[in-house]
């Protein structure tokens, strides 16, 4: 299972959305979302409505997790004396020097 975050718009007149973001409980929601992340506690799925700020946070968390996984895979290959030059170029082009949280 790959980690994922999905966002969608919603019509506040037709959808029974909360008045505040399900994540920060402060701002009005802008998107409906579903987040699925694999971790030490297994698969964690969150669904609800979020504000723009929390949507950015969800996406940044996904980016950080993916950057960390790429860096770990690169380190494993390098430990096996595999040339990781092209892999490293791609990781750096994609994430910069971000190695996860």
PDB file of N, CA and C in Angstrom:
ATOM      1  N   UNK A   1       0.845  -1.192   0.000  1.00  0.00           N
ATOM      2  CA  UNK A   1       0.000   0.000   0.000  1.00  0.00           C
ATOM      3  C   UNK A   1       0.874   1.234   0.000  1.00  0.00           C
ATOM      4  N   UNK A   2       0.620   2.119  -0.898  1.00  0.00           N
ATOM      5  CA  UNK A   2       1.322   3.399  -0.924  1.00  0.00           C
ATOM      6  C   UNK A   2       0.579   4.404  -0.060  1.00  0.00           C
ATOM      7  N   UNK A   3       1.352   5.287   0.579  1.00  0.00           N
ATOM      8  CA  UNK A   3       0.737   6.371   1.339  1.00  0.00           C
ATOM      9  C   UNK A   3       0.019   7.286   0.356  1.00  0.00           C
ATOM     10  N   UNK A   4      -1.050   7.921   0.830  1.00  0.00           N
ATOM     11  CA  UNK A   4      -1.800   8.793  -0.077  1.00  0.00           C
ATOM     12  C   UNK A   4      -2.534   9.879   0.696  1.00  0.00           C
ATOM     13  N   UNK A   5      -2.785  10.970  -0.004  1.00  0.00           N
ATOM     14  CA  UNK A   5      -3.638  12.048   0.485  1.00  0.00           C
ATOM     15  C   UNK A   5      -4.484  12.496  -0.701  1.00  0.00           C
ATOM     16  N   UNK A   6      -5.786  12.502  -0.529  1.00  0.00           N
ATOM     17  CA  UNK A   6      -6.706  12.937  -1.571  1.00  0.00           C
ATOM     18  C   UNK A   6      -7.494  14.137  -1.074  1.00  0.00           C
ATOM     19  N   UNK A   7      -7.659  15.120  -1.945  1.00  0.00           N
ATOM     20  CA  UNK A   7      -8.442  16.302  -1.625  1.00  0.00           C
ATOM     21  C   UNK A   7      -9.539  16.474  -2.663  1.00  0.00           C
ATOM     22  N   UNK A   8     -10.652  16.994  -2.239  1.00  0.00           N
ATOM     23  CA  UNK A   8     -11.733  17.318  -3.142  1.00  0.00           C
ATOM     24  C   UNK A   8     -12.484  18.534  -2.627  1.00  0.00           C
ATOM     25  N   UNK A   9     -13.132  19.210  -3.523  1.00  0.00           N
ATOM     26  CA  UNK A   9     -13.972  20.335  -3.105  1.00  0.00           C
ATOM     27  C   UNK A   9     -15.332  19.793  -2.694  1.00  0.00           C
ATOM     28  N   UNK A  10     -16.116  20.624  -2.071  1.00  0.00           N
ATOM     29  CA  UNK A  10     -17.468  20.221  -1.691  1.00  0.00           C
ATOM     30  C   UNK A  10     -18.375  21.439  -1.760  1.00  0.00           C
ATOM     31  N   UNK A  11     -19.644  21.186  -1.951  1.00  0.00           N
ATOM     32  CA  UNK A  11     -20.643  22.247  -1.994  1.00  0.00           C
ATOM     33  C   UNK A  11     -21.229  22.404  -0.594  1.00  0.00           C
ATOM     34  N   UNK A  12     -20.929  23.498   0.094  1.00  0.00           N
ATOM     35  CA  UNK A  12     -21.396  23.654   1.475  1.00  0.00           C
ATOM     36  C   UNK A  12     -22.919  23.698   1.609  1.00  0.00           C
ATOM     37  N   UNK A  13     -23.627  23.936   0.508  1.00  0.00           N
ATOM     38  CA  UNK A  13     -25.084  23.954   0.552  1.00  0.00           C
ATOM     39  C   UNK A  13     -25.677  22.550   0.466  1.00  0.00           C
ATOM     40  N   UNK A  14     -24.893  21.604  -0.086  1.00  0.00           N
ATOM     41  CA  UNK A  14     -25.408  20.256  -0.308  1.00  0.00           C
ATOM     42  C   UNK A  14     -24.767  19.196   0.592  1.00  0.00           C
ATOM     43  N   UNK A  15     -23.647  19.533   1.213  1.00  0.00           N
ATOM     44  CA  UNK A  15     -22.916  18.565   2.029  1.00  0.00           C
ATOM     45  C   UNK A  15     -23.005  18.995   3.488  1.00  0.00           C
ATOM     46  N   UNK A  16     -23.224  18.029   4.342  1.00  0.00           N
ATOM     47  CA  UNK A  16     -23.303  18.312   5.773  1.00  0.00           C
ATOM     48  C   UNK A  16     -21.880  18.368   6.348  1.00  0.00           C
ATOM     49  N   UNK A  17     -21.161  19.420   5.997  1.00  0.00           N
ATOM     50  CA  UNK A  17     -19.781  19.603   6.456  1.00  0.00           C
ATOM     51  C   UNK A  17     -19.785  20.371   7.771  1.00  0.00           C
ATOM     52  N   UNK A  18     -18.777  20.131   8.597  1.00  0.00           N
ATOM     53  CA  UNK A  18     -18.696  20.875   9.864  1.00  0.00           C
ATOM     54  C   UNK A  18     -18.375  22.347   9.607  1.00  0.00           C
ATOM     55  N   UNK A  19     -18.576  23.163  10.620  1.00  0.00           N
ATOM     56  CA  UNK A  19     -18.272  24.598  10.507  1.00  0.00           C
ATOM     57  C   UNK A  19     -16.783  24.889  10.639  1.00  0.00           C
ATOM     58  N   UNK A  20     -16.033  23.937  11.229  1.00  0.00           N
ATOM     59  CA  UNK A  20     -14.591  24.116  11.411  1.00  0.00           C
ATOM     60  C   UNK A  20     -13.847  22.877  10.910  1.00  0.00           C
ATOM     61  N   UNK A  21     -12.596  23.073  10.592  1.00  0.00           N
ATOM     62  CA  UNK A  21     -11.700  22.016  10.130  1.00  0.00           C
ATOM     63  C   UNK A  21     -11.660  20.879  11.152  1.00  0.00           C
ATOM     64  N   UNK A  22     -11.739  19.630  10.664  1.00  0.00           N
ATOM     65  CA  UNK A  22     -11.664  18.478  11.559  1.00  0.00           C
ATOM     66  C   UNK A  22     -10.285  18.320  12.192  1.00  0.00           C
ATOM     67  N   UNK A  23      -9.254  18.926  11.621  1.00  0.00           N
ATOM     68  CA  UNK A  23      -7.892  18.742  12.115  1.00  0.00           C
ATOM     69  C   UNK A  23      -7.471  19.808  13.113  1.00  0.00           C
ATOM     70  N   UNK A  24      -7.642  21.071  12.775  1.00  0.00           N
ATOM     71  CA  UNK A  24      -7.196  22.143  13.682  1.00  0.00           C
ATOM     72  C   UNK A  24      -8.323  22.672  14.562  1.00  0.00           C
ATOM     73  N   UNK A  25      -9.549  22.382  14.176  1.00  0.00           N
ATOM     74  CA  UNK A  25     -10.744  22.822  14.898  1.00  0.00           C
ATOM     75  C   UNK A  25     -10.737  24.344  15.118  1.00  0.00           C
ATOM     76  N   UNK A  26     -10.228  25.067  14.113  1.00  0.00           N
ATOM     77  CA  UNK A  26     -10.160  26.525  14.241  1.00  0.00           C
ATOM     78  C   UNK A  26     -10.688  27.251  13.005  1.00  0.00           C
ATOM     79  N   UNK A  27     -10.289  26.808  11.831  1.00  0.00           N
ATOM     80  CA  UNK A  27     -10.634  27.495  10.585  1.00  0.00           C
ATOM     81  C   UNK A  27     -11.787  26.790   9.883  1.00  0.00           C
ATOM     82  N   UNK A  28     -12.514  27.498   9.013  1.00  0.00           N
ATOM     83  CA  UNK A  28     -13.565  26.835   8.242  1.00  0.00           C
ATOM     84  C   UNK A  28     -12.953  25.890   7.211  1.00  0.00           C
ATOM     85  N   UNK A  29     -13.584  24.772   6.952  1.00  0.00           N
ATOM     86  CA  UNK A  29     -13.030  23.817   5.992  1.00  0.00           C
ATOM     87  C   UNK A  29     -13.153  24.312   4.554  1.00  0.00           C
ATOM     88  N   UNK A  30     -12.160  23.945   3.765  1.00  0.00           N
ATOM     89  CA  UNK A  30     -12.137  24.298   2.350  1.00  0.00           C
ATOM     90  C   UNK A  30     -12.205  23.038   1.474  1.00  0.00           C
ATOM     91  N   UNK A  31     -11.685  21.921   1.989  1.00  0.00           N
ATOM     92  CA  UNK A  31     -11.607  20.678   1.221  1.00  0.00           C
ATOM     93  C   UNK A  31     -12.146  19.506   2.024  1.00  0.00           C
ATOM     94  N   UNK A  32     -12.635  18.523   1.311  1.00  0.00           N
ATOM     95  CA  UNK A  32     -12.883  17.216   1.886  1.00  0.00           C
ATOM     96  C   UNK A  32     -11.588  16.438   1.650  1.00  0.00           C
ATOM     97  N   UNK A  33     -11.154  15.611   2.609  1.00  0.00           N
ATOM     98  CA  UNK A  33      -9.881  14.921   2.436  1.00  0.00           C
ATOM     99  C   UNK A  33      -9.955  13.478   2.924  1.00  0.00           C
ATOM    100  N   UNK A  34      -9.028  12.691   2.416  1.00  0.00           N
ATOM    101  CA  UNK A  34      -8.779  11.341   2.914  1.00  0.00           C
ATOM    102  C   UNK A  34      -7.274  11.129   2.896  1.00  0.00           C
ATOM    103  N   UNK A  35      -6.729  10.717   4.023  1.00  0.00           N
ATOM    104  CA  UNK A  35      -5.297  10.487   4.159  1.00  0.00           C
ATOM    105  C   UNK A  35      -5.082   9.053   4.627  1.00  0.00           C
ATOM    106  N   UNK A  36      -4.171   8.350   3.985  1.00  0.00           N
ATOM    107  CA  UNK A  36      -3.853   6.975   4.367  1.00  0.00           C
ATOM    108  C   UNK A  36      -2.337   6.858   4.472  1.00  0.00           C
ATOM    109  N   UNK A  37      -1.844   6.549   5.666  1.00  0.00           N
ATOM    110  CA  UNK A  37      -0.409   6.419   5.901  1.00  0.00           C
ATOM    111  C   UNK A  37      -0.109   5.107   6.598  1.00  0.00           C
ATOM    112  N   UNK A  38       0.940   4.416   6.142  1.00  0.00           N
ATOM    113  CA  UNK A  38       1.423   3.209   6.797  1.00  0.00           C
ATOM    114  C   UNK A  38       2.463   3.627   7.814  1.00  0.00           C
ATOM    115  N   UNK A  39       2.428   3.052   8.991  1.00  0.00           N
ATOM    116  CA  UNK A  39       3.395   3.392  10.019  1.00  0.00           C
ATOM    117  C   UNK A  39       3.578   2.253  10.994  1.00  0.00           C
ATOM    118  N   UNK A  40       4.245   2.543  12.081  1.00  0.00           N
ATOM    119  CA  UNK A  40       4.501   1.533  13.104  1.00  0.00           C
ATOM    120  C   UNK A  40       3.211   0.981  13.689  1.00  0.00           C
ATOM    121  N   UNK A  41       2.182   1.789  13.711  1.00  0.00           N
ATOM    122  CA  UNK A  41       0.884   1.374  14.259  1.00  0.00           C
ATOM    123  C   UNK A  41      -0.011   0.760  13.191  1.00  0.00           C
ATOM    124  N   UNK A  42       0.542   0.464  12.030  1.00  0.00           N
ATOM    125  CA  UNK A  42      -0.247  -0.080  10.933  1.00  0.00           C
ATOM    126  C   UNK A  42      -0.782   1.023  10.039  1.00  0.00           C
ATOM    127  N   UNK A  43      -1.824   0.705   9.328  1.00  0.00           N
ATOM    128  CA  UNK A  43      -2.438   1.642   8.381  1.00  0.00           C
ATOM    129  C   UNK A  43      -3.345   2.612   9.135  1.00  0.00           C
ATOM    130  N   UNK A  44      -3.099   3.903   8.939  1.00  0.00           N
ATOM    131  CA  UNK A  44      -3.922   4.928   9.568  1.00  0.00           C
ATOM    132  C   UNK A  44      -4.664   5.712   8.488  1.00  0.00           C
ATOM    133  N   UNK A  45      -5.973   5.702   8.580  1.00  0.00           N
ATOM    134  CA  UNK A  45      -6.812   6.413   7.614  1.00  0.00           C
ATOM    135  C   UNK A  45      -7.555   7.529   8.348  1.00  0.00           C
ATOM    136  N   UNK A  46      -7.484   8.718   7.782  1.00  0.00           N
ATOM    137  CA  UNK A  46      -8.235   9.871   8.299  1.00  0.00           C
ATOM    138  C   UNK A  46      -9.116  10.381   7.170  1.00  0.00           C
ATOM    139  N   UNK A  47     -10.337  10.713   7.487  1.00  0.00           N
ATOM    140  CA  UNK A  47     -11.259  11.304   6.518  1.00  0.00           C
ATOM    141  C   UNK A  47     -11.950  12.469   7.196  1.00  0.00           C
ATOM    142  N   UNK A  48     -12.267  13.462   6.414  1.00  0.00           N
ATOM    143  CA  UNK A  48     -13.014  14.587   6.963  1.00  0.00           C
ATOM    144  C   UNK A  48     -12.927  15.803   6.078  1.00  0.00           C
ATOM    145  N   UNK A  49     -13.015  16.955   6.725  1.00  0.00           N
ATOM    146  CA  UNK A  49     -12.977  18.238   6.044  1.00  0.00           C
ATOM    147  C   UNK A  49     -11.863  19.058   6.673  1.00  0.00           C
ATOM    148  N   UNK A  50     -11.063  19.731   5.843  1.00  0.00           N
ATOM    149  CA  UNK A  50      -9.937  20.497   6.383  1.00  0.00           C
ATOM    150  C   UNK A  50      -9.825  21.877   5.730  1.00  0.00           C
ATOM    151  N   UNK A  51      -9.145  22.750   6.452  1.00  0.00           N
ATOM    152  CA  UNK A  51      -8.876  24.097   5.951  1.00  0.00           C
ATOM    153  C   UNK A  51      -7.648  24.060   5.030  1.00  0.00           C
ATOM    154  N   UNK A  52      -7.363  25.159   4.380  1.00  0.00           N
ATOM    155  CA  UNK A  52      -6.232  25.225   3.450  1.00  0.00           C
ATOM    156  C   UNK A  52      -4.907  24.984   4.168  1.00  0.00           C
ATOM    157  N   UNK A  53      -4.754  25.536   5.356  1.00  0.00           N
ATOM    158  CA  UNK A  53      -3.517  25.367   6.109  1.00  0.00           C
ATOM    159  C   UNK A  53      -3.278  23.903   6.478  1.00  0.00           C
ATOM    160  N   UNK A  54      -4.291  23.226   6.931  1.00  0.00           N
ATOM    161  CA  UNK A  54      -4.150  21.809   7.285  1.00  0.00           C
ATOM    162  C   UNK A  54      -3.937  20.947   6.038  1.00  0.00           C
ATOM    163  N   UNK A  55      -4.525  21.345   4.907  1.00  0.00           N
ATOM    164  CA  UNK A  55      -4.286  20.625   3.655  1.00  0.00           C
ATOM    165  C   UNK A  55      -2.808  20.704   3.283  1.00  0.00           C
ATOM    166  N   UNK A  56      -2.210  21.886   3.432  1.00  0.00           N
ATOM    167  CA  UNK A  56      -0.774  22.032   3.150  1.00  0.00           C
ATOM    168  C   UNK A  56       0.045  21.164   4.101  1.00  0.00           C
ATOM    169  N   UNK A  57      -0.355  21.111   5.365  1.00  0.00           N
ATOM    170  CA  UNK A  57       0.356  20.298   6.352  1.00  0.00           C
ATOM    171  C   UNK A  57       0.273  18.813   5.999  1.00  0.00           C
ATOM    172  N   UNK A  58      -0.905  18.346   5.610  1.00  0.00           N
ATOM    173  CA  UNK A  58      -1.052  16.950   5.203  1.00  0.00           C
ATOM    174  C   UNK A  58      -0.140  16.623   4.029  1.00  0.00           C
ATOM    175  N   UNK A  59      -0.092  17.522   3.063  1.00  0.00           N
ATOM    176  CA  UNK A  59       0.746  17.302   1.886  1.00  0.00           C
ATOM    177  C   UNK A  59       2.237  17.355   2.250  1.00  0.00           C
ATOM    178  N   UNK A  60       2.633  18.288   3.117  1.00  0.00           N
ATOM    179  CA  UNK A  60       4.026  18.380   3.567  1.00  0.00           C
ATOM    180  C   UNK A  60       4.431  17.127   4.332  1.00  0.00           C
ATOM    181  N   UNK A  61       3.534  16.592   5.167  1.00  0.00           N
ATOM    182  CA  UNK A  61       3.824  15.358   5.896  1.00  0.00           C
ATOM    183  C   UNK A  61       4.047  14.197   4.937  1.00  0.00           C
ATOM    184  N   UNK A  62       3.225  14.114   3.898  1.00  0.00           N
ATOM    185  CA  UNK A  62       3.378  13.071   2.894  1.00  0.00           C
ATOM    186  C   UNK A  62       4.707  13.233   2.166  1.00  0.00           C
ATOM    187  N   UNK A  63       5.049  14.467   1.817  1.00  0.00           N
ATOM    188  CA  UNK A  63       6.321  14.736   1.150  1.00  0.00           C
ATOM    189  C   UNK A  63       7.496  14.323   2.037  1.00  0.00           C
ATOM    190  N   UNK A  64       7.450  14.677   3.304  1.00  0.00           N
ATOM    191  CA  UNK A  64       8.532  14.334   4.223  1.00  0.00           C
ATOM    192  C   UNK A  64       8.688  12.837   4.397  1.00  0.00           C
ATOM    193  N   UNK A  65       7.571  12.125   4.502  1.00  0.00           N
ATOM    194  CA  UNK A  65       7.608  10.671   4.647  1.00  0.00           C
ATOM    195  C   UNK A  65       8.202  10.025   3.405  1.00  0.00           C
ATOM    196  N   UNK A  66       7.824  10.501   2.244  1.00  0.00           N
ATOM    197  CA  UNK A  66       8.341   9.948   0.990  1.00  0.00           C
ATOM    198  C   UNK A  66       9.832  10.258   0.834  1.00  0.00           C
ATOM    199  N   UNK A  67      10.236  11.472   1.168  1.00  0.00           N
ATOM    200  CA  UNK A  67      11.658  11.840   1.088  1.00  0.00           C
ATOM    201  C   UNK A  67      12.495  10.952   1.998  1.00  0.00           C
ATOM    202  N   UNK A  68      11.978  10.677   3.185  1.00  0.00           N
ATOM    203  CA  UNK A  68      12.702   9.817   4.127  1.00  0.00           C
ATOM    204  C   UNK A  68      12.824   8.403   3.579  1.00  0.00           C
ATOM    205  N   UNK A  69      11.757   7.874   2.990  1.00  0.00           N
ATOM    206  CA  UNK A  69      11.791   6.530   2.415  1.00  0.00           C
ATOM    207  C   UNK A  69      12.791   6.452   1.263  1.00  0.00           C
ATOM    208  N   UNK A  70      12.816   7.467   0.393  1.00  0.00           N
ATOM    209  CA  UNK A  70      13.772   7.475  -0.713  1.00  0.00           C
ATOM    210  C   UNK A  70      15.195   7.501  -0.178  1.00  0.00           C
ATOM    211  N   UNK A  71      15.453   8.326   0.848  1.00  0.00           N
ATOM    212  CA  UNK A  71      16.798   8.425   1.422  1.00  0.00           C
ATOM    213  C   UNK A  71      17.210   7.105   2.067  1.00  0.00           C
ATOM    214  N   UNK A  72      16.283   6.436   2.744  1.00  0.00           N
ATOM    215  CA  UNK A  72      16.580   5.147   3.361  1.00  0.00           C
ATOM    216  C   UNK A  72      16.892   4.086   2.313  1.00  0.00           C
ATOM    217  N   UNK A  73      16.124   4.052   1.231  1.00  0.00           N
ATOM    218  CA  UNK A  73      16.384   3.103   0.146  1.00  0.00           C
ATOM    219  C   UNK A  73      17.746   3.372  -0.481  1.00  0.00           C
ATOM    220  N   UNK A  74      18.060   4.637  -0.668  1.00  0.00           N
ATOM    221  CA  UNK A  74      19.357   5.011  -1.227  1.00  0.00           C
ATOM    222  C   UNK A  74      20.492   4.536  -0.320  1.00  0.00           C
ATOM    223  N   UNK A  75      20.344   4.735   0.983  1.00  0.00           N
ATOM    224  CA  UNK A  75      21.372   4.313   1.945  1.00  0.00           C
ATOM    225  C   UNK A  75      21.554   2.794   1.936  1.00  0.00           C
ATOM    226  N   UNK A  76      20.451   2.051   1.834  1.00  0.00           N
ATOM    227  CA  UNK A  76      20.535   0.588   1.769  1.00  0.00           C
ATOM    228  C   UNK A  76      21.286   0.132   0.525  1.00  0.00           C
ATOM    229  N   UNK A  77      20.976   0.737  -0.608  1.00  0.00           N
ATOM    230  CA  UNK A  77      21.677   0.386  -1.848  1.00  0.00           C
ATOM    231  C   UNK A  77      23.161   0.732  -1.756  1.00  0.00           C
ATOM    232  N   UNK A  78      23.443   1.888  -1.206  1.00  0.00           N
ATOM    233  CA  UNK A  78      24.830   2.334  -1.064  1.00  0.00           C
ATOM    234  C   UNK A  78      25.605   1.387  -0.150  1.00  0.00           C
ATOM    235  N   UNK A  79      24.962   0.884   0.906  1.00  0.00           N
ATOM    236  CA  UNK A  79      25.603  -0.067   1.821  1.00  0.00           C
ATOM    237  C   UNK A  79      25.930  -1.383   1.119  1.00  0.00           C
ATOM    238  N   UNK A  80      25.179  -1.691   0.078  1.00  0.00           N
ATOM    239  CA  UNK A  80      25.428  -2.901  -0.720  1.00  0.00           C
ATOM    240  C   UNK A  80      26.385  -2.612  -1.882  1.00  0.00           C
ATOM    241  N   UNK A  81      26.999  -1.450  -1.855  1.00  0.00           N
ATOM    242  CA  UNK A  81      27.984  -1.007  -2.851  1.00  0.00           C
ATOM    243  C   UNK A  81      27.388  -0.885  -4.258  1.00  0.00           C
ATOM    244  N   UNK A  82      26.124  -0.492  -4.306  1.00  0.00           N
ATOM    245  CA  UNK A  82      25.451  -0.223  -5.577  1.00  0.00           C
ATOM    246  C   UNK A  82      25.661   1.253  -5.892  1.00  0.00           C
ATOM    247  N   UNK A  83      25.937   1.549  -7.167  1.00  0.00           N
ATOM    248  CA  UNK A  83      26.089   2.943  -7.587  1.00  0.00           C
ATOM    249  C   UNK A  83      24.728   3.637  -7.512  1.00  0.00           C
ATOM    250  N   UNK A  84      24.623   4.620  -6.641  1.00  0.00           N
ATOM    251  CA  UNK A  84      23.353   5.318  -6.415  1.00  0.00           C
ATOM    252  C   UNK A  84      23.351   6.719  -7.022  1.00  0.00           C
ATOM    253  N   UNK A  85      24.314   7.000  -7.889  1.00  0.00           N
ATOM    254  CA  UNK A  85      24.457   8.344  -8.442  1.00  0.00           C
ATOM    255  C   UNK A  85      23.167   8.840  -9.098  1.00  0.00           C
ATOM    256  N   UNK A  86      22.586   8.042  -9.974  1.00  0.00           N
ATOM    257  CA  UNK A  86      21.369   8.462 -10.679  1.00  0.00           C
ATOM    258  C   UNK A  86      20.183   8.552  -9.724  1.00  0.00           C
ATOM    259  N   UNK A  87      20.101   7.603  -8.812  1.00  0.00           N
ATOM    260  CA  UNK A  87      19.028   7.607  -7.809  1.00  0.00           C
ATOM    261  C   UNK A  87      19.131   8.862  -6.952  1.00  0.00           C
ATOM    262  N   UNK A  88      20.349   9.200  -6.527  1.00  0.00           N
ATOM    263  CA  UNK A  88      20.570  10.382  -5.696  1.00  0.00           C
ATOM    264  C   UNK A  88      20.230  11.665  -6.455  1.00  0.00           C
ATOM    265  N   UNK A  89      20.606  11.736  -7.735  1.00  0.00           N
ATOM    266  CA  UNK A  89      20.270  12.911  -8.550  1.00  0.00           C
ATOM    267  C   UNK A  89      18.755  13.110  -8.592  1.00  0.00           C
ATOM    268  N   UNK A  90      18.053  11.997  -8.798  1.00  0.00           N
ATOM    269  CA  UNK A  90      16.591  12.092  -8.882  1.00  0.00           C
ATOM    270  C   UNK A  90      15.996  12.513  -7.543  1.00  0.00           C
ATOM    271  N   UNK A  91      16.490  11.923  -6.437  1.00  0.00           N
ATOM    272  CA  UNK A  91      15.984  12.276  -5.106  1.00  0.00           C
ATOM    273  C   UNK A  91      16.235  13.751  -4.807  1.00  0.00           C
ATOM    274  N   UNK A  92      17.442  14.224  -5.102  1.00  0.00           N
ATOM    275  CA  UNK A  92      17.766  15.625  -4.836  1.00  0.00           C
ATOM    276  C   UNK A  92      16.970  16.567  -5.729  1.00  0.00           C
ATOM    277  N   UNK A  93      16.756  16.176  -6.985  1.00  0.00           N
ATOM    278  CA  UNK A  93      15.946  17.002  -7.890  1.00  0.00           C
ATOM    279  C   UNK A  93      14.491  17.052  -7.419  1.00  0.00           C
ATOM    280  N   UNK A  94      14.016  15.960  -6.843  1.00  0.00           N
ATOM    281  CA  UNK A  94      12.627  15.884  -6.395  1.00  0.00           C
ATOM    282  C   UNK A  94      12.411  16.590  -5.062  1.00  0.00           C
ATOM    283  N   UNK A  95      13.284  16.318  -4.101  1.00  0.00           N
ATOM    284  CA  UNK A  95      13.076  16.803  -2.738  1.00  0.00           C
ATOM    285  C   UNK A  95      14.104  17.820  -2.247  1.00  0.00           C
ATOM    286  N   UNK A  96      15.116  18.105  -3.024  1.00  0.00           N
ATOM    287  CA  UNK A  96      16.201  18.931  -2.509  1.00  0.00           C
ATOM    288  C   UNK A  96      16.951  18.134  -1.464  1.00  0.00           C
ATOM    289  N   UNK A  97      17.364  18.765  -0.398  1.00  0.00           N
ATOM    290  CA  UNK A  97      18.101  18.054   0.631  1.00  0.00           C
ATOM    291  C   UNK A  97      17.185  17.585   1.759  1.00  0.00           C
ATOM    292  N   UNK A  98      15.866  17.594   1.499  1.00  0.00           N
ATOM    293  CA  UNK A  98      14.883  17.163   2.486  1.00  0.00           C
ATOM    294  C   UNK A  98      15.017  15.669   2.715  1.00  0.00           C
ATOM    295  N   UNK A  99      15.200  15.280   3.955  1.00  0.00           N
ATOM    296  CA  UNK A  99      15.336  13.852   4.269  1.00  0.00           C
ATOM    297  C   UNK A  99      14.236  13.374   5.191  1.00  0.00           C
ATOM    298  N   UNK A 100      13.188  14.145   5.321  1.00  0.00           N
ATOM    299  CA  UNK A 100      12.055  13.726   6.146  1.00  0.00           C
ATOM    300  C   UNK A 100      12.104  14.348   7.524  1.00  0.00           C
ATOM    301  N   UNK A 101      11.017  14.193   8.270  1.00  0.00           N
ATOM    302  CA  UNK A 101      10.919  14.805   9.607  1.00  0.00           C
ATOM    303  C   UNK A 101      11.825  14.131  10.613  1.00  0.00           C
TER     304      UNK A 101
END
